[in-house]
Amino acid sequence: MSSTAIGVDDVFTTGSQFHNVGKFLRETGKAKELRGLVLARVPG
């Protein structure tokens, strides 16, 4: 499998959303990797 999914999020805080979505997509065979597009990041 060589598919790549793109995730879009409005605000990046801890990264757990991308982590969980990427893990789900890999485990179910839907995608090999997840690329993320974020509009803003919470400073920290």
PDB file of N, CA and C in Angstrom:
ATOM      1  N   MET A   1       0.846  -1.175   0.000  1.00  0.00           N
ATOM      2  CA  MET A   1       0.000   0.000   0.000  1.00  0.00           C
ATOM      3  C   MET A   1       0.893   1.242   0.000  1.00  0.00           C
ATOM      4  N   SER A   2       0.510   2.204  -0.781  1.00  0.00           N
ATOM      5  CA  SER A   2       1.312   3.426  -0.837  1.00  0.00           C
ATOM      6  C   SER A   2       0.450   4.672  -0.774  1.00  0.00           C
ATOM      7  N   SER A   3      -0.724   4.563  -0.189  1.00  0.00           N
ATOM      8  CA  SER A   3      -1.616   5.716  -0.144  1.00  0.00           C
ATOM      9  C   SER A   3      -1.252   6.669   0.998  1.00  0.00           C
ATOM     10  N   THR A   4      -1.509   7.935   0.751  1.00  0.00           N
ATOM     11  CA  THR A   4      -1.260   8.980   1.727  1.00  0.00           C
ATOM     12  C   THR A   4      -2.564   9.739   1.959  1.00  0.00           C
ATOM     13  N   ALA A   5      -2.915   9.947   3.221  1.00  0.00           N
ATOM     14  CA  ALA A   5      -4.110  10.719   3.565  1.00  0.00           C
ATOM     15  C   ALA A   5      -3.670  12.102   4.030  1.00  0.00           C
ATOM     16  N   ILE A   6      -4.533  13.065   3.818  1.00  0.00           N
ATOM     17  CA  ILE A   6      -4.257  14.427   4.265  1.00  0.00           C
ATOM     18  C   ILE A   6      -5.287  14.808   5.319  1.00  0.00           C
ATOM     19  N   GLY A   7      -4.804  15.211   6.488  1.00  0.00           N
ATOM     20  CA  GLY A   7      -5.675  15.667   7.561  1.00  0.00           C
ATOM     21  C   GLY A   7      -5.589  17.177   7.679  1.00  0.00           C
ATOM     22  N   VAL A   8      -6.715  17.804   7.908  1.00  0.00           N
ATOM     23  CA  VAL A   8      -6.764  19.261   8.063  1.00  0.00           C
ATOM     24  C   VAL A   8      -7.325  19.579   9.437  1.00  0.00           C
ATOM     25  N   ASP A   9      -6.636  20.451  10.161  1.00  0.00           N
ATOM     26  CA  ASP A   9      -7.086  20.851  11.488  1.00  0.00           C
ATOM     27  C   ASP A   9      -6.944  22.364  11.607  1.00  0.00           C
ATOM     28  N   ASP A  10      -7.881  22.981  12.293  1.00  0.00           N
ATOM     29  CA  ASP A  10      -7.826  24.440  12.415  1.00  0.00           C
ATOM     30  C   ASP A  10      -6.785  24.895  13.427  1.00  0.00           C
ATOM     31  N   VAL A  11      -6.664  24.192  14.563  1.00  0.00           N
ATOM     32  CA  VAL A  11      -5.695  24.574  15.593  1.00  0.00           C
ATOM     33  C   VAL A  11      -4.969  23.327  16.085  1.00  0.00           C
ATOM     34  N   PHE A  12      -3.648  23.361  16.066  1.00  0.00           N
ATOM     35  CA  PHE A  12      -2.819  22.257  16.553  1.00  0.00           C
ATOM     36  C   PHE A  12      -2.433  22.550  17.999  1.00  0.00           C
ATOM     37  N   THR A  13      -2.812  21.664  18.901  1.00  0.00           N
ATOM     38  CA  THR A  13      -2.435  21.851  20.308  1.00  0.00           C
ATOM     39  C   THR A  13      -1.448  20.760  20.727  1.00  0.00           C
ATOM     40  N   THR A  14      -1.937  19.560  20.970  1.00  0.00           N
ATOM     41  CA  THR A  14      -1.061  18.490  21.443  1.00  0.00           C
ATOM     42  C   THR A  14      -0.639  17.524  20.347  1.00  0.00           C
ATOM     43  N   GLY A  15      -1.351  17.508  19.236  1.00  0.00           N
ATOM     44  CA  GLY A  15      -1.050  16.573  18.163  1.00  0.00           C
ATOM     45  C   GLY A  15      -1.755  15.237  18.306  1.00  0.00           C
ATOM     46  N   SER A  16      -2.519  15.064  19.361  1.00  0.00           N
ATOM     47  CA  SER A  16      -3.172  13.774  19.590  1.00  0.00           C
ATOM     48  C   SER A  16      -4.214  13.440  18.519  1.00  0.00           C
ATOM     49  N   GLN A  17      -4.859  14.443  17.962  1.00  0.00           N
ATOM     50  CA  GLN A  17      -5.852  14.207  16.908  1.00  0.00           C
ATOM     51  C   GLN A  17      -5.180  13.559  15.689  1.00  0.00           C
ATOM     52  N   PHE A  18      -4.076  14.137  15.226  1.00  0.00           N
ATOM     53  CA  PHE A  18      -3.364  13.575  14.082  1.00  0.00           C
ATOM     54  C   PHE A  18      -2.798  12.204  14.418  1.00  0.00           C
ATOM     55  N   HIS A  19      -2.293  12.041  15.623  1.00  0.00           N
ATOM     56  CA  HIS A  19      -1.741  10.749  16.042  1.00  0.00           C
ATOM     57  C   HIS A  19      -2.808   9.663  15.980  1.00  0.00           C
ATOM     58  N   ASN A  20      -3.971   9.936  16.562  1.00  0.00           N
ATOM     59  CA  ASN A  20      -5.036   8.937  16.609  1.00  0.00           C
ATOM     60  C   ASN A  20      -5.609   8.629  15.232  1.00  0.00           C
ATOM     61  N   VAL A  21      -5.799   9.649  14.414  1.00  0.00           N
ATOM     62  CA  VAL A  21      -6.320   9.433  13.062  1.00  0.00           C
ATOM     63  C   VAL A  21      -5.312   8.637  12.237  1.00  0.00           C
ATOM     64  N   GLY A  22      -4.031   9.004  12.324  1.00  0.00           N
ATOM     65  CA  GLY A  22      -3.007   8.278  11.593  1.00  0.00           C
ATOM     66  C   GLY A  22      -2.908   6.823  12.014  1.00  0.00           C
ATOM     67  N   LYS A  23      -2.985   6.586  13.301  1.00  0.00           N
ATOM     68  CA  LYS A  23      -2.944   5.218  13.826  1.00  0.00           C
ATOM     69  C   LYS A  23      -4.127   4.405  13.311  1.00  0.00           C
ATOM     70  N   PHE A  24      -5.323   4.997  13.343  1.00  0.00           N
ATOM     71  CA  PHE A  24      -6.522   4.319  12.848  1.00  0.00           C
ATOM     72  C   PHE A  24      -6.395   3.991  11.362  1.00  0.00           C
ATOM     73  N   LEU A  25      -5.941   4.947  10.563  1.00  0.00           N
ATOM     74  CA  LEU A  25      -5.823   4.728   9.122  1.00  0.00           C
ATOM     75  C   LEU A  25      -4.807   3.634   8.800  1.00  0.00           C
ATOM     76  N   ARG A  26      -3.695   3.605   9.524  1.00  0.00           N
ATOM     77  CA  ARG A  26      -2.699   2.552   9.301  1.00  0.00           C
ATOM     78  C   ARG A  26      -3.230   1.189   9.731  1.00  0.00           C
ATOM     79  N   GLU A  27      -3.869   1.123  10.904  1.00  0.00           N
ATOM     80  CA  GLU A  27      -4.362  -0.157  11.422  1.00  0.00           C
ATOM     81  C   GLU A  27      -5.471  -0.741  10.560  1.00  0.00           C
ATOM     82  N   THR A  28      -6.286   0.094   9.962  1.00  0.00           N
ATOM     83  CA  THR A  28      -7.391  -0.400   9.128  1.00  0.00           C
ATOM     84  C   THR A  28      -6.992  -0.551   7.666  1.00  0.00           C
ATOM     85  N   GLY A  29      -5.763  -0.198   7.332  1.00  0.00           N
ATOM     86  CA  GLY A  29      -5.285  -0.358   5.973  1.00  0.00           C
ATOM     87  C   GLY A  29      -5.784   0.704   5.009  1.00  0.00           C
ATOM     88  N   LYS A  30      -6.289   1.795   5.537  1.00  0.00           N
ATOM     89  CA  LYS A  30      -6.825   2.861   4.688  1.00  0.00           C
ATOM     90  C   LYS A  30      -5.728   3.744   4.110  1.00  0.00           C
ATOM     91  N   ALA A  31      -4.629   3.912   4.829  1.00  0.00           N
ATOM     92  CA  ALA A  31      -3.525   4.749   4.352  1.00  0.00           C
ATOM     93  C   ALA A  31      -2.231   4.305   5.010  1.00  0.00           C
ATOM     94  N   LYS A  32      -1.142   4.536   4.311  1.00  0.00           N
ATOM     95  CA  LYS A  32       0.172   4.205   4.846  1.00  0.00           C
ATOM     96  C   LYS A  32       0.713   5.346   5.698  1.00  0.00           C
ATOM     97  N   GLU A  33       0.364   6.581   5.339  1.00  0.00           N
ATOM     98  CA  GLU A  33       0.831   7.730   6.109  1.00  0.00           C
ATOM     99  C   GLU A  33      -0.226   8.828   6.107  1.00  0.00           C
ATOM    100  N   LEU A  34      -0.091   9.723   7.074  1.00  0.00           N
ATOM    101  CA  LEU A  34      -0.996  10.866   7.202  1.00  0.00           C
ATOM    102  C   LEU A  34      -0.164  12.139   7.177  1.00  0.00           C
ATOM    103  N   ARG A  35      -0.505  13.020   6.285  1.00  0.00           N
ATOM    104  CA  ARG A  35       0.130  14.347   6.226  1.00  0.00           C
ATOM    105  C   ARG A  35      -0.858  15.332   6.825  1.00  0.00           C
ATOM    106  N   GLY A  36      -0.357  16.323   7.522  1.00  0.00           N
ATOM    107  CA  GLY A  36      -1.246  17.267   8.196  1.00  0.00           C
ATOM    108  C   GLY A  36      -1.103  18.697   7.693  1.00  0.00           C
ATOM    109  N   LEU A  37      -2.219  19.362   7.605  1.00  0.00           N
ATOM    110  CA  LEU A  37      -2.263  20.775   7.284  1.00  0.00           C
ATOM    111  C   LEU A  37      -2.944  21.474   8.451  1.00  0.00           C
ATOM    112  N   VAL A  38      -2.231  22.408   9.088  1.00  0.00           N
ATOM    113  CA  VAL A  38      -2.737  23.093  10.269  1.00  0.00           C
ATOM    114  C   VAL A  38      -2.764  24.581  10.003  1.00  0.00           C
ATOM    115  N   LEU A  39      -3.854  25.231  10.385  1.00  0.00           N
ATOM    116  CA  LEU A  39      -4.007  26.666  10.152  1.00  0.00           C
ATOM    117  C   LEU A  39      -3.387  27.512  11.251  1.00  0.00           C
ATOM    118  N   ALA A  40      -3.334  27.002  12.477  1.00  0.00           N
ATOM    119  CA  ALA A  40      -2.756  27.750  13.602  1.00  0.00           C
ATOM    120  C   ALA A  40      -2.210  26.758  14.627  1.00  0.00           C
ATOM    121  N   ARG A  41      -1.263  27.216  15.422  1.00  0.00           N
ATOM    122  CA  ARG A  41      -0.669  26.382  16.460  1.00  0.00           C
ATOM    123  C   ARG A  41      -0.748  27.138  17.775  1.00  0.00           C
ATOM    124  N   VAL A  42      -1.085  26.406  18.838  1.00  0.00           N
ATOM    125  CA  VAL A  42      -1.102  26.994  20.169  1.00  0.00           C
ATOM    126  C   VAL A  42       0.328  27.059  20.674  1.00  0.00           C
ATOM    127  N   PRO A  43       0.834  28.238  21.034  1.00  0.00           N
ATOM    128  CA  PRO A  43       2.218  28.332  21.522  1.00  0.00           C
ATOM    129  C   PRO A  43       2.397  27.548  22.827  1.00  0.00           C
ATOM    130  N   GLY A  44       3.539  26.953  22.947  1.00  0.00           N
ATOM    131  CA  GLY A  44       3.747  26.234  24.184  1.00  0.00           C
ATOM    132  C   GLY A  44       5.026  25.543  24.302  1.00  0.00           C
TER     133      GLY A  44
END
